[in-house]
Protein backbone atom coordinates (compact mmCIF):
# COMPACT_ATOMS: atom_id res chain seq x y z
CA UNK A 1 0.00 0.00 0.00
CA UNK A 2 1.30 3.42 -0.95
CA UNK A 3 1.74 6.10 1.71
CA UNK A 4 1.44 9.68 0.47
CA UNK A 5 2.95 12.46 2.53
CA UNK A 6 3.49 15.20 -0.07
CA UNK A 7 0.77 17.60 -1.15
CA UNK A 8 2.60 17.83 -4.50
CA UNK A 9 1.80 14.21 -5.30
CA UNK A 10 -0.25 13.66 -8.47
CA UNK A 11 -3.07 12.12 -6.42
CA UNK A 12 -3.79 15.53 -4.88
CA UNK A 13 -4.37 17.00 -8.33
CA UNK A 14 -6.61 14.05 -9.24
CA UNK A 15 -8.88 14.61 -6.25
CA UNK A 16 -9.01 18.36 -6.82
CA UNK A 17 -9.94 17.81 -10.45
CA UNK A 18 -12.76 15.49 -9.39
CA UNK A 19 -13.96 18.02 -6.81
CA UNK A 20 -14.21 20.55 -9.63
CA UNK A 21 -16.45 18.16 -11.58
CA UNK A 22 -13.93 17.39 -14.30
CA UNK A 23 -12.89 14.13 -16.01
CA UNK A 24 -16.08 12.26 -15.13
CA UNK A 25 -14.96 10.91 -11.75
CA UNK A 26 -17.01 11.24 -8.57
CA UNK A 27 -15.44 12.44 -5.35
CA UNK A 28 -16.87 10.54 -2.40
CA UNK A 29 -16.16 12.02 1.01
CA UNK A 30 -16.83 9.82 4.02
CA UNK A 31 -17.19 6.12 4.76
CA UNK A 32 -20.96 6.16 4.32
CA UNK A 33 -20.83 7.44 0.74
CA UNK A 34 -18.02 5.06 -0.19
CA UNK A 35 -19.98 2.08 1.15
CA UNK A 36 -23.16 3.22 -0.62
CA UNK A 37 -21.24 3.46 -3.89
CA UNK A 38 -19.80 -0.02 -3.39
CA UNK A 39 -23.27 -1.45 -2.70
CA UNK A 40 -24.52 0.21 -5.89
CA UNK A 41 -21.82 -1.54 -7.90
CA UNK A 42 -19.79 1.56 -8.78
CA UNK A 43 -16.15 1.06 -9.67
CA UNK A 44 -14.01 2.66 -6.97
CA UNK A 45 -10.76 3.71 -8.60
CA UNK A 46 -8.90 5.21 -5.65
CA UNK A 47 -9.41 5.08 -1.88
CA UNK A 48 -7.41 7.30 0.45
CA UNK A 49 -7.48 7.15 4.24
CA UNK A 50 -5.56 8.75 7.05
CA UNK A 51 -3.58 6.35 9.21
CA UNK A 52 -6.09 6.42 12.05
CA UNK A 53 -9.06 5.83 9.75
CA UNK A 54 -7.24 3.02 7.97
CA UNK A 55 -6.68 1.25 11.28
CA UNK A 56 -10.44 1.39 11.97
CA UNK A 57 -11.51 0.38 8.46
CA UNK A 58 -9.13 -2.37 7.38
CA UNK A 59 -11.96 -4.57 6.06
CA UNK A 60 -13.18 -1.84 3.70
CA UNK A 61 -9.66 -1.12 2.49
CA UNK A 62 -8.82 -4.78 1.97
CA UNK A 63 -12.07 -5.60 0.19
CA UNK A 64 -11.56 -2.75 -2.27
CA UNK A 65 -7.89 -3.58 -2.81
CA UNK A 66 -8.96 -7.14 -3.67
CA UNK A 67 -11.06 -5.87 -6.59
CA UNK A 68 -8.37 -3.60 -7.99
CA UNK A 69 -8.93 -0.30 -6.18
CA UNK A 70 -5.77 1.69 -5.54
CA UNK A 71 -5.74 2.02 -1.76
CA UNK A 72 -3.39 4.45 -0.07
CA UNK A 73 -2.60 5.88 3.31
CA UNK A 74 -2.20 9.65 3.48
CA UNK A 75 -1.06 12.13 6.09
CA UNK A 76 -3.48 14.56 7.72
CA UNK A 77 -1.94 17.35 5.63
CA UNK A 78 -2.58 15.48 2.37
CA UNK A 79 -6.13 14.62 3.48
CA UNK A 80 -6.76 18.33 4.05
CA UNK A 81 -5.62 18.92 0.46
CA UNK A 82 -7.67 16.18 -1.22
CA UNK A 83 -10.90 16.47 0.76
CA UNK A 84 -13.10 19.43 -0.25
CA UNK A 85 -14.88 19.68 3.11
CA UNK A 86 -13.86 21.99 5.94
CA UNK A 87 -13.48 19.12 8.40
CA UNK A 88 -12.35 16.05 6.43
CA UNK A 89 -13.77 12.67 7.40
CA UNK A 90 -10.43 10.96 6.80
CA UNK A 91 -11.85 8.72 4.07
CA UNK A 92 -12.19 9.86 0.45
CA UNK A 93 -12.48 8.02 -2.83
CA UNK A 94 -12.70 8.49 -6.57
CA UNK A 95 -15.32 6.46 -8.44
CA UNK A 96 -16.66 6.13 -11.96
CA UNK A 97 -19.84 8.04 -12.68
CA UNK A 98 -22.81 5.69 -13.18
CA UNK A 99 -24.31 5.74 -16.69
CA UNK A 100 -27.93 6.74 -16.02
CA UNK A 101 -30.33 7.55 -18.86
CA UNK A 102 -33.87 8.92 -19.01
CA UNK A 103 -35.03 5.42 -19.90
CA UNK A 104 -33.70 4.25 -16.52
CA UNK A 105 -35.96 6.82 -14.83
CA UNK A 106 -39.05 5.70 -16.67
CA UNK A 107 -38.74 1.93 -16.53
CA UNK A 108 -39.51 1.39 -12.83
CA UNK A 109 -43.16 1.00 -11.91
CA UNK A 110 -45.34 2.49 -10.59
CA UNK A 111 -43.57 5.54 -11.97
CA UNK A 112 -43.25 8.67 -9.89
CA UNK A 113 -40.42 10.76 -11.32
CA UNK A 114 -39.31 14.12 -9.97
CA UNK A 115 -38.10 16.62 -12.58
CA UNK A 116 -36.11 19.47 -11.08
CA UNK A 117 -35.70 22.67 -13.08
CA UNK A 118 -32.88 25.14 -12.43
CA UNK A 119 -32.04 23.91 -8.91
CA UNK A 120 -28.60 25.45 -8.59
CA UNK A 121 -27.95 24.91 -4.88
CA UNK A 122 -26.26 21.50 -4.53
CA UNK A 123 -27.43 21.10 -0.94
CA UNK A 124 -31.06 21.56 -1.98
CA UNK A 125 -30.63 19.23 -4.94
CA UNK A 126 -29.10 16.56 -2.73
CA UNK A 127 -31.87 16.98 -0.18
CA UNK A 128 -34.52 16.39 -2.86
CA UNK A 129 -32.77 13.22 -4.02
CA UNK A 130 -32.52 11.96 -0.44
CA UNK A 131 -36.23 12.61 0.13
CA UNK A 132 -37.21 11.16 -3.25
CA UNK A 133 -35.47 7.88 -2.49
CA UNK A 134 -36.88 7.75 1.04
CA UNK A 135 -40.41 8.54 -0.18
CA UNK A 136 -40.55 5.94 -2.92
CA UNK A 137 -39.98 8.07 -6.02
CA UNK A 138 -38.67 6.02 -8.92
CA UNK A 139 -36.18 8.56 -10.27
CA UNK A 140 -34.96 12.15 -10.33
CA UNK A 141 -33.95 14.26 -13.33
CA UNK A 142 -31.99 17.47 -12.83
CA UNK A 143 -32.91 19.62 -15.83
CA UNK A 144 -32.23 23.04 -17.26
CA UNK A 145 -29.60 24.98 -15.32
CA UNK A 146 -29.65 22.60 -12.36
CA UNK A 147 -26.33 21.82 -10.75
CA UNK A 148 -24.71 18.42 -11.24
CA UNK A 149 -26.33 15.92 -8.82
CA UNK A 150 -23.08 13.93 -8.89
CA UNK A 151 -20.98 16.83 -7.61
CA UNK A 152 -19.51 16.21 -4.17
CA UNK A 153 -21.77 18.68 -2.35
CA UNK A 154 -24.95 17.23 -3.85
CA UNK A 155 -23.77 13.68 -3.15
CA UNK A 156 -23.18 14.54 0.50
CA UNK A 157 -26.62 16.14 0.70
CA UNK A 158 -28.28 13.06 -0.80
CA UNK A 159 -26.62 10.75 1.76
CA UNK A 160 -26.34 7.86 -0.70
CA UNK A 161 -29.79 8.29 -2.25
CA UNK A 162 -28.17 9.12 -5.59
CA UNK A 163 -26.92 5.53 -5.79
CA UNK A 164 -30.23 3.91 -4.80
CA UNK A 165 -32.55 5.41 -7.44
CA UNK A 166 -31.82 6.55 -11.01
CA UNK A 167 -30.65 10.17 -11.13
CA UNK A 168 -29.85 11.79 -14.46
CA UNK A 169 -28.32 15.10 -15.59
CA UNK A 170 -28.22 17.11 -17.79
CA UNK A 171 -31.40 17.13 -19.85
CA UNK A 172 -33.69 19.84 -21.21
CA UNK A 173 -36.97 20.02 -19.26
CA UNK A 174 -39.17 19.91 -22.38
CA UNK A 175 -37.26 16.88 -23.63
CA UNK A 176 -37.89 15.11 -20.31
CA UNK A 177 -41.58 15.97 -20.53
CA UNK A 178 -41.80 14.57 -24.07
CA UNK A 179 -40.04 11.34 -23.07
CA UNK A 180 -42.24 10.90 -20.02
CA UNK A 181 -45.43 11.47 -21.95
CA UNK A 182 -44.28 9.00 -24.64
CA UNK A 183 -43.86 6.44 -21.84
CA UNK A 184 -47.41 6.99 -20.62
CA UNK A 185 -46.73 9.29 -17.68
CA UNK A 186 -48.96 12.18 -16.72
CA UNK A 187 -47.01 15.44 -16.42
CA UNK A 188 -47.78 17.70 -13.47
CA UNK A 189 -46.24 21.13 -12.93
CA UNK A 190 -45.89 22.53 -9.41
CA UNK A 191 -46.87 26.22 -9.38
CA UNK A 192 -47.34 28.92 -6.77
CA UNK A 193 -51.05 29.18 -7.56
CA UNK A 194 -53.55 27.74 -10.00
CA UNK A 195 -54.58 24.23 -10.83
CA UNK A 196 -55.52 21.70 -8.16
CA UNK A 197 -54.45 21.65 -4.56
CA UNK A 198 -51.72 19.10 -3.74
CA UNK A 199 -54.33 17.33 -1.60
CA UNK A 200 -56.88 17.11 -4.41
CA UNK A 201 -54.79 16.05 -7.39
CA UNK A 202 -54.46 12.35 -8.22
CA UNK A 203 -50.83 11.22 -7.93
CA UNK A 204 -51.51 7.48 -8.03
CA UNK A 205 -51.11 7.32 -11.82
CA UNK A 206 -47.67 7.09 -13.46
CA UNK A 207 -46.52 10.69 -12.99
CA UNK A 208 -43.71 13.10 -13.74
CA UNK A 209 -43.87 16.12 -11.45
CA UNK A 210 -41.87 19.20 -12.42
CA UNK A 211 -40.54 21.41 -9.61
CA UNK A 212 -38.81 24.72 -10.28
CA UNK A 213 -36.03 26.55 -8.48
CA UNK A 214 -36.57 29.04 -5.68
CA UNK A 215 -36.09 32.06 -7.93
CA UNK A 216 -38.47 32.18 -10.86
CA UNK A 217 -40.00 28.72 -10.46
CA UNK A 218 -41.19 27.02 -13.63
CA UNK A 219 -41.38 28.93 -16.90
CA UNK A 220 -44.73 29.41 -18.60
CA UNK A 221 -43.49 27.18 -21.41
CA UNK A 222 -43.01 24.26 -19.01
CA UNK A 223 -46.32 24.91 -17.25
CA UNK A 224 -48.12 24.97 -20.60
CA UNK A 225 -46.49 21.69 -21.59
CA UNK A 226 -47.84 19.92 -18.49
CA UNK A 227 -51.10 17.99 -18.37
CA UNK A 228 -52.04 19.41 -14.98
CA UNK A 229 -50.80 21.93 -12.45
CA UNK A 230 -50.80 21.74 -8.68
CA UNK A 231 -50.21 24.18 -5.86
CA UNK A 232 -49.31 23.64 -2.21
CA UNK A 233 -51.81 25.34 0.14
CA UNK A 234 -50.09 27.84 2.45
CA UNK A 235 -52.46 29.25 5.09
CA UNK A 236 -49.68 31.45 6.46
CA UNK A 237 -48.32 34.64 4.95
CA UNK A 238 -45.46 33.03 2.95
CA UNK A 239 -45.94 33.17 -0.81
CA UNK A 240 -43.53 30.34 -1.71
CA UNK A 241 -41.52 27.44 -0.30
CA UNK A 242 -37.94 26.31 -0.61
CA UNK A 243 -37.73 23.93 -3.59
CA UNK A 244 -36.52 21.04 -1.42
CA UNK A 245 -39.42 21.55 0.98
CA UNK A 246 -41.98 21.78 -1.83
CA UNK A 247 -40.62 18.64 -3.46
CA UNK A 248 -40.70 16.79 -0.14
CA UNK A 249 -44.37 17.64 0.42
CA UNK A 250 -45.28 16.47 -3.08
CA UNK A 251 -43.24 13.26 -2.81
CA UNK A 252 -44.84 12.26 0.47
CA UNK A 253 -48.35 13.16 -0.66
CA UNK A 254 -47.77 10.87 -3.65
CA UNK A 255 -46.57 8.15 -1.28
CA UNK A 256 -49.59 8.63 0.98
CA UNK A 257 -51.98 8.29 -1.94
CA UNK A 258 -50.17 5.30 -3.38
CA UNK A 259 -49.93 3.53 -0.03
CA UNK A 260 -53.65 4.05 0.51
CA UNK A 261 -54.22 2.74 -3.02
CA UNK A 262 -52.00 -0.30 -2.42
CA UNK A 263 -49.24 0.68 -4.87
CA UNK A 264 -46.61 1.44 -2.21
CA UNK A 265 -45.36 -0.33 0.89
CA UNK A 266 -44.45 0.90 4.37
CA UNK A 267 -41.64 -1.65 4.59
CA UNK A 268 -38.23 -0.11 5.27
CA UNK A 269 -34.98 -0.92 3.49
C-alpha cells in the first residue's frame, strides 16, 4: 500500500480535479458514501485514508484492494488537500460516474419521477434526491440549469440516495416531458397558484412532477407543456416554499396516496 505524505503528489491533483467536476470521476467524502457506492456496484478507482481511519476500516480497504482499487494511506496534511470539506472525514475516494439515462428513470413502476428545473444549490438538490429515495420516487432528473447531482456537495446532501434510485443530468426540461409522456406518464407542474391543490390532485397514476427553483419557479413554457398543475396550500403569509421543501411535500403526498391505493409499501430498506 502506498503512503502519500506530499501535497505535491499527483493524487492531490486528481482529487481536486474530481472536486471541480472534471474528467467524469465522482469524489466521495466519508465512509458512508463510499460504502453506498460499493453497494450500488460503482467502480471505486482510488481510496485514500488517514492512518487512524485506515486502522479502523481495514476490512473496507482490503475488500476494495482485492477488486483492484488503488488504496493508499495519506497524512493529515494530504487529506486536508484532497478532501473538499472543511473538516475532512479521513476517508475519500474516486469512483466512476454511473451511466444513467432517461429510460432508466421511466422503466420502474409504478412511476413517480421528480423533474427538477434550475435547482442550482447542490445542498437543496441533494436533499430532494434523499427525500425522493426515502419517499418511494422512482427517479430524479436534474434539468435546465440545475447543478450536477453527482458533484460532491450534492452527493453529501443526498446521503447515498443518488446511488439507490436513477438520477440523471443534464437534460432539457421539455425533452424530459416529451419522453415521459411517450412512456405513458402524466405530467404535473408545481406552481405557486392555480390548478388543483396538492391534496386534491391524483398522484396514483404514473406521474412526472416538475418542480422549479426558488427564484423564478417554472417557466410558462413548461407549465403549458404539463397535463395538470398543482399548488401547495399555504395558510400562512409566505408566498412560496424552498424547492426542497416543496418537493418533499409532493413526494410524500404521492406516497400517501399510493400507499392508501395499495401501490406502495411501508416496509423499510
